């Protein structure tokens, strides 16, 4: 399992639910939460500036619909600017969207490992465990 997970989610209740499920299942040792894509990019910028390329989240649980910088904007900026330095990072979309166009768009990003519809469940964690065992 990944040592660290970054949850990018603007809804406080969803944040708390994700943290509880991730802790209960011992999915990750460290869970970092940001409220939008801008905060998440700032987090990676800090890691980049400190040169910490070994101790970073290998999995990002990403909401798509958020204020400031949404999930799509985060993905574009992250893959262009940070992914070359944090190559082991995978993203699981965790959204309320059931739009097939969102699923098709997500499939175009090689960094995305899964597209999940909220709320995060124990079954989803089991599914993610199978996909991220190498992280």
C-alpha atoms as a PDB file:
ATOM      1  CA  UNK A   1       0.000   0.000   0.000  1.00  0.00           C
ATOM      2  CA  UNK A   2       1.100   3.571  -0.477  1.00  0.00           C
ATOM      3  CA  UNK A   3       2.822   5.175   2.478  1.00  0.00           C
ATOM      4  CA  UNK A   4       1.097   8.485   1.742  1.00  0.00           C
ATOM      5  CA  UNK A   5      -2.192   9.494   0.119  1.00  0.00           C
ATOM      6  CA  UNK A   6      -3.231  12.980  -0.920  1.00  0.00           C
ATOM      7  CA  UNK A   7      -6.988  13.656  -0.840  1.00  0.00           C
ATOM      8  CA  UNK A   8      -8.033  16.668  -2.916  1.00  0.00           C
ATOM      9  CA  UNK A   9     -11.628  17.378  -1.913  1.00  0.00           C
ATOM     10  CA  UNK A  10     -13.519  20.598  -1.163  1.00  0.00           C
ATOM     11  CA  UNK A  11     -16.381  19.068   0.831  1.00  0.00           C
ATOM     12  CA  UNK A  12     -15.570  18.756   4.539  1.00  0.00           C
ATOM     13  CA  UNK A  13     -17.883  15.762   5.108  1.00  0.00           C
ATOM     14  CA  UNK A  14     -16.304  13.896   2.187  1.00  0.00           C
ATOM     15  CA  UNK A  15     -12.848  14.729   3.567  1.00  0.00           C
ATOM     16  CA  UNK A  16     -13.734  13.271   6.951  1.00  0.00           C
ATOM     17  CA  UNK A  17     -15.288  10.150   5.412  1.00  0.00           C
ATOM     18  CA  UNK A  18     -12.216   9.543   3.249  1.00  0.00           C
ATOM     19  CA  UNK A  19      -9.865   9.951   6.193  1.00  0.00           C
ATOM     20  CA  UNK A  20     -11.910   7.589   8.365  1.00  0.00           C
ATOM     21  CA  UNK A  21     -12.097   4.856   5.725  1.00  0.00           C
ATOM     22  CA  UNK A  22      -8.418   5.165   4.804  1.00  0.00           C
ATOM     23  CA  UNK A  23      -7.394   4.961   8.468  1.00  0.00           C
ATOM     24  CA  UNK A  24      -9.807   2.140   9.306  1.00  0.00           C
ATOM     25  CA  UNK A  25      -8.495   0.014   6.440  1.00  0.00           C
ATOM     26  CA  UNK A  26      -4.839   0.927   7.145  1.00  0.00           C
ATOM     27  CA  UNK A  27      -4.618   1.920   3.494  1.00  0.00           C
ATOM     28  CA  UNK A  28      -1.894   4.518   4.099  1.00  0.00           C
ATOM     29  CA  UNK A  29       0.332   5.626   6.954  1.00  0.00           C
ATOM     30  CA  UNK A  30      -0.055   9.321   6.164  1.00  0.00           C
ATOM     31  CA  UNK A  31      -3.138  11.061   4.761  1.00  0.00           C
ATOM     32  CA  UNK A  32      -2.762  14.646   3.583  1.00  0.00           C
ATOM     33  CA  UNK A  33      -5.895  16.630   2.672  1.00  0.00           C
ATOM     34  CA  UNK A  34      -6.260  19.742   0.522  1.00  0.00           C
ATOM     35  CA  UNK A  35      -9.479  21.577  -0.324  1.00  0.00           C
ATOM     36  CA  UNK A  36      -8.839  22.321  -4.000  1.00  0.00           C
ATOM     37  CA  UNK A  37      -6.419  21.825  -6.865  1.00  0.00           C
ATOM     38  CA  UNK A  38      -4.512  25.003  -6.056  1.00  0.00           C
ATOM     39  CA  UNK A  39      -3.661  23.785  -2.546  1.00  0.00           C
ATOM     40  CA  UNK A  40      -2.656  20.404  -3.959  1.00  0.00           C
ATOM     41  CA  UNK A  41      -0.334  22.015  -6.517  1.00  0.00           C
ATOM     42  CA  UNK A  42       1.153  24.200  -3.760  1.00  0.00           C
ATOM     43  CA  UNK A  43       1.796  21.025  -1.750  1.00  0.00           C
ATOM     44  CA  UNK A  44       3.726  19.483  -4.648  1.00  0.00           C
ATOM     45  CA  UNK A  45       5.543  22.776  -5.257  1.00  0.00           C
ATOM     46  CA  UNK A  46       6.739  22.691  -1.650  1.00  0.00           C
ATOM     47  CA  UNK A  47       7.946  19.110  -2.061  1.00  0.00           C
ATOM     48  CA  UNK A  48       9.670  20.077  -5.303  1.00  0.00           C
ATOM     49  CA  UNK A  49      11.419  23.103  -3.753  1.00  0.00           C
ATOM     50  CA  UNK A  50      12.661  21.042  -0.814  1.00  0.00           C
ATOM     51  CA  UNK A  51      13.946  18.388  -3.217  1.00  0.00           C
ATOM     52  CA  UNK A  52      11.938  15.696  -1.433  1.00  0.00           C
ATOM     53  CA  UNK A  53      11.498  13.256  -4.310  1.00  0.00           C
ATOM     54  CA  UNK A  54      11.329  10.129  -2.166  1.00  0.00           C
ATOM     55  CA  UNK A  55       8.718  10.895   0.476  1.00  0.00           C
ATOM     56  CA  UNK A  56       5.584  11.993  -1.375  1.00  0.00           C
ATOM     57  CA  UNK A  57       2.031  10.696  -1.940  1.00  0.00           C
ATOM     58  CA  UNK A  58       2.006   7.845  -4.437  1.00  0.00           C
ATOM     59  CA  UNK A  59      -1.783   8.061  -4.710  1.00  0.00           C
ATOM     60  CA  UNK A  60      -4.007  11.118  -5.132  1.00  0.00           C
ATOM     61  CA  UNK A  61      -7.759  10.817  -4.567  1.00  0.00           C
ATOM     62  CA  UNK A  62      -9.049  13.671  -6.698  1.00  0.00           C
ATOM     63  CA  UNK A  63     -12.440  15.339  -6.820  1.00  0.00           C
ATOM     64  CA  UNK A  64     -13.264  16.973 -10.157  1.00  0.00           C
ATOM     65  CA  UNK A  65     -15.671  19.755  -9.190  1.00  0.00           C
ATOM     66  CA  UNK A  66     -13.942  22.155  -6.821  1.00  0.00           C
ATOM     67  CA  UNK A  67     -13.470  25.915  -6.501  1.00  0.00           C
ATOM     68  CA  UNK A  68     -10.256  27.802  -7.340  1.00  0.00           C
ATOM     69  CA  UNK A  69      -8.625  25.039  -9.432  1.00  0.00           C
ATOM     70  CA  UNK A  70     -10.797  22.061 -10.331  1.00  0.00           C
ATOM     71  CA  UNK A  71      -9.652  18.475 -10.794  1.00  0.00           C
ATOM     72  CA  UNK A  72      -9.090  18.787 -14.551  1.00  0.00           C
ATOM     73  CA  UNK A  73      -6.967  21.896 -14.125  1.00  0.00           C
ATOM     74  CA  UNK A  74      -4.999  20.153 -11.386  1.00  0.00           C
ATOM     75  CA  UNK A  75      -4.371  17.154 -13.656  1.00  0.00           C
ATOM     76  CA  UNK A  76      -3.158  19.337 -16.520  1.00  0.00           C
ATOM     77  CA  UNK A  77      -0.782  21.350 -14.348  1.00  0.00           C
ATOM     78  CA  UNK A  78       0.428  18.366 -12.336  1.00  0.00           C
ATOM     79  CA  UNK A  79       1.176  16.202 -15.361  1.00  0.00           C
ATOM     80  CA  UNK A  80       2.984  19.066 -17.117  1.00  0.00           C
ATOM     81  CA  UNK A  81       4.981  20.470 -14.195  1.00  0.00           C
ATOM     82  CA  UNK A  82       5.286  17.908 -11.403  1.00  0.00           C
ATOM     83  CA  UNK A  83       4.701  14.407 -12.692  1.00  0.00           C
ATOM     84  CA  UNK A  84       8.158  14.260 -14.298  1.00  0.00           C
ATOM     85  CA  UNK A  85       9.588  14.626 -10.762  1.00  0.00           C
ATOM     86  CA  UNK A  86       7.003  12.473  -8.966  1.00  0.00           C
ATOM     87  CA  UNK A  87       6.663   9.684 -11.553  1.00  0.00           C
ATOM     88  CA  UNK A  88       5.287   7.058  -9.180  1.00  0.00           C
ATOM     89  CA  UNK A  89       2.182   9.137  -8.505  1.00  0.00           C
ATOM     90  CA  UNK A  90      -1.160   7.697  -9.583  1.00  0.00           C
ATOM     91  CA  UNK A  91      -4.528   9.444  -9.444  1.00  0.00           C
ATOM     92  CA  UNK A  92      -7.910   7.940  -8.645  1.00  0.00           C
ATOM     93  CA  UNK A  93     -10.778  10.233  -9.555  1.00  0.00           C
ATOM     94  CA  UNK A  94     -13.310  10.285  -6.721  1.00  0.00           C
ATOM     95  CA  UNK A  95     -16.247  12.392  -7.838  1.00  0.00           C
ATOM     96  CA  UNK A  96     -20.004  12.790  -7.722  1.00  0.00           C
ATOM     97  CA  UNK A  97     -20.031  12.985 -11.533  1.00  0.00           C
ATOM     98  CA  UNK A  98     -21.659  10.123 -13.397  1.00  0.00           C
ATOM     99  CA  UNK A  99     -21.128  11.825 -16.755  1.00  0.00           C
ATOM    100  CA  UNK A 100     -19.688   9.415 -19.339  1.00  0.00           C
ATOM    101  CA  UNK A 101     -17.812  12.335 -20.921  1.00  0.00           C
ATOM    102  CA  UNK A 102     -15.876  12.751 -17.663  1.00  0.00           C
ATOM    103  CA  UNK A 103     -14.991   9.051 -17.732  1.00  0.00           C
ATOM    104  CA  UNK A 104     -13.829   9.321 -21.342  1.00  0.00           C
ATOM    105  CA  UNK A 105     -11.789  12.423 -20.567  1.00  0.00           C
ATOM    106  CA  UNK A 106     -10.203  10.732 -17.546  1.00  0.00           C
ATOM    107  CA  UNK A 107      -9.177   7.761 -19.683  1.00  0.00           C
ATOM    108  CA  UNK A 108      -6.931  10.083 -21.714  1.00  0.00           C
ATOM    109  CA  UNK A 109      -4.629  10.673 -18.730  1.00  0.00           C
ATOM    110  CA  UNK A 110      -2.083   7.880 -18.219  1.00  0.00           C
ATOM    111  CA  UNK A 111      -1.679   8.941 -14.589  1.00  0.00           C
ATOM    112  CA  UNK A 112      -5.296   7.997 -13.740  1.00  0.00           C
ATOM    113  CA  UNK A 113      -5.701   4.528 -12.303  1.00  0.00           C
ATOM    114  CA  UNK A 114      -9.437   4.572 -11.515  1.00  0.00           C
ATOM    115  CA  UNK A 115     -12.672   6.554 -11.815  1.00  0.00           C
ATOM    116  CA  UNK A 116     -14.827   6.185  -8.702  1.00  0.00           C
ATOM    117  CA  UNK A 117     -18.185   7.723  -7.822  1.00  0.00           C
ATOM    118  CA  UNK A 118     -18.614   9.101  -4.290  1.00  0.00           C
ATOM    119  CA  UNK A 119     -18.901   8.215  -1.542  1.00  0.00           C
ATOM    120  CA  UNK A 120     -15.704   6.280  -0.926  1.00  0.00           C
ATOM    121  CA  UNK A 121     -16.567   2.805   0.333  1.00  0.00           C
ATOM    122  CA  UNK A 122     -14.693  -0.159   1.749  1.00  0.00           C
ATOM    123  CA  UNK A 123     -15.283  -1.972  -1.550  1.00  0.00           C
ATOM    124  CA  UNK A 124     -13.600   0.880  -3.424  1.00  0.00           C
ATOM    125  CA  UNK A 125     -10.631   0.675  -1.080  1.00  0.00           C
ATOM    126  CA  UNK A 126     -10.313  -3.040  -1.818  1.00  0.00           C
ATOM    127  CA  UNK A 127     -10.436  -2.251  -5.534  1.00  0.00           C
ATOM    128  CA  UNK A 128      -7.750   0.418  -5.134  1.00  0.00           C
ATOM    129  CA  UNK A 129      -5.584  -1.955  -3.119  1.00  0.00           C
ATOM    130  CA  UNK A 130      -5.440  -4.272  -6.095  1.00  0.00           C
ATOM    131  CA  UNK A 131      -4.433  -1.445  -8.413  1.00  0.00           C
ATOM    132  CA  UNK A 132      -1.806   0.218  -6.244  1.00  0.00           C
ATOM    133  CA  UNK A 133      -0.031  -2.697  -4.603  1.00  0.00           C
ATOM    134  CA  UNK A 134       3.206  -1.683  -6.279  1.00  0.00           C
ATOM    135  CA  UNK A 135       3.142   1.852  -4.848  1.00  0.00           C
END
